[in-house]
Amino acid sequence: MSSYDDSRTADEQDPEAGSPARVGTVVWGLTVVALAALIIISRLGIVALNGTYVLIGLMIGAGAALIVGGLVSARRRDNKSTTGKS
């Protein structure tokens, strides 16, 4: 039997606890992980990579993901703020 009691009301809850991760943080985190993976693959000799093309591809992908993520986030925010009253 547990003696833990989390009977705080919704007003006492931390408002930041349930907030989702920001789009920019996720995109740049994935970009860094992808770059690290490409460096490891290149150093192992599995594939020969041209650094310029890799960076261009990563920046295009990160930029597109930031734009799409921002648009989705703005649309979701707009949908939540509607109360149905005019």
Protein backbone atom coordinates (compact mmCIF):
# COMPACT_ATOMS: atom_id res chain seq x y z
CA MET A 1 0.00 0.00 0.00
CA SER A 2 1.39 3.36 -1.01
CA SER A 3 1.37 6.42 1.22
CA TYR A 4 1.91 8.82 -1.67
CA ASP A 5 -0.93 11.32 -2.03
CA ASP A 6 -0.94 13.72 -4.96
CA SER A 7 -4.20 15.46 -4.16
CA ARG A 8 -3.22 18.92 -5.39
CA THR A 9 -5.89 20.74 -7.35
CA ALA A 10 -5.49 21.81 -10.96
CA ASP A 11 -4.73 25.38 -9.81
CA GLU A 12 -1.76 24.17 -7.75
CA GLN A 13 -0.24 22.15 -10.61
CA ASP A 14 2.80 23.57 -12.39
CA PRO A 15 1.55 25.04 -15.71
CA GLU A 16 4.84 24.26 -17.46
CA ALA A 17 4.79 20.58 -16.47
CA GLY A 18 2.46 19.55 -19.29
CA SER A 19 3.75 21.85 -22.00
CA PRO A 20 5.07 20.14 -25.13
CA ALA A 21 8.61 20.56 -26.39
CA ARG A 22 9.22 23.56 -28.61
CA VAL A 23 9.55 22.91 -32.33
CA GLY A 24 12.89 24.67 -32.65
CA THR A 25 14.43 22.65 -29.84
CA VAL A 26 13.34 19.36 -31.39
CA VAL A 27 14.47 20.33 -34.91
CA TRP A 28 17.92 21.54 -33.85
CA GLY A 29 18.37 18.52 -31.59
CA LEU A 30 17.58 16.18 -34.49
CA THR A 31 19.92 18.17 -36.75
CA VAL A 32 22.81 17.76 -34.32
CA VAL A 33 22.10 14.04 -33.90
CA ALA A 34 21.94 13.58 -37.70
CA LEU A 35 25.23 15.45 -38.14
CA ALA A 36 26.90 13.32 -35.47
CA ALA A 37 25.61 10.13 -37.10
CA LEU A 38 26.89 11.25 -40.50
CA ILE A 39 30.30 12.06 -39.04
CA ILE A 40 30.50 8.61 -37.42
CA ILE A 41 29.46 6.89 -40.66
CA SER A 42 32.01 8.91 -42.61
CA ARG A 43 34.83 8.14 -40.15
CA LEU A 44 34.05 4.42 -40.25
CA GLY A 45 34.58 4.51 -44.00
CA ILE A 46 31.16 3.09 -44.83
CA VAL A 47 30.36 6.04 -47.09
CA ALA A 48 32.43 8.93 -48.40
CA LEU A 49 30.55 12.18 -47.79
CA ASN A 50 31.08 15.65 -49.22
CA GLY A 51 30.86 18.01 -46.23
CA THR A 52 29.44 20.91 -48.21
CA TYR A 53 26.55 18.87 -49.58
CA VAL A 54 25.84 17.36 -46.17
CA LEU A 55 25.64 20.79 -44.52
CA ILE A 56 23.45 22.18 -47.31
CA GLY A 57 21.09 19.22 -47.01
CA LEU A 58 20.91 19.48 -43.23
CA MET A 59 20.21 23.22 -43.33
CA ILE A 60 17.50 22.81 -45.98
CA GLY A 61 15.90 20.01 -43.96
CA ALA A 62 16.12 21.93 -40.67
CA GLY A 63 14.73 25.09 -42.25
CA ALA A 64 11.81 23.24 -43.80
CA ALA A 65 11.07 21.47 -40.50
CA LEU A 66 11.15 24.79 -38.61
CA ILE A 67 8.76 26.42 -41.06
CA VAL A 68 6.32 23.49 -41.08
CA GLY A 69 6.52 23.10 -37.30
CA GLY A 70 5.90 26.80 -36.77
CA LEU A 71 2.87 26.75 -39.08
CA VAL A 72 1.42 23.69 -37.34
CA SER A 73 2.02 25.23 -33.93
CA ALA A 74 0.39 28.52 -34.96
CA ARG A 75 -2.61 26.71 -36.38
CA ARG A 76 -3.00 24.62 -33.21
CA ARG A 77 -2.72 27.75 -31.07
CA ASP A 78 -5.38 29.51 -33.16
CA ASN A 79 -7.75 26.56 -32.84
CA LYS A 80 -7.39 26.44 -29.04
CA SER A 81 -8.12 30.14 -28.54
CA THR A 82 -11.54 30.07 -30.18
CA THR A 83 -14.38 30.22 -27.68
CA GLY A 84 -17.25 30.04 -30.17
CA LYS A 85 -18.50 33.50 -29.27
CA SER A 86 -18.53 36.29 -31.79
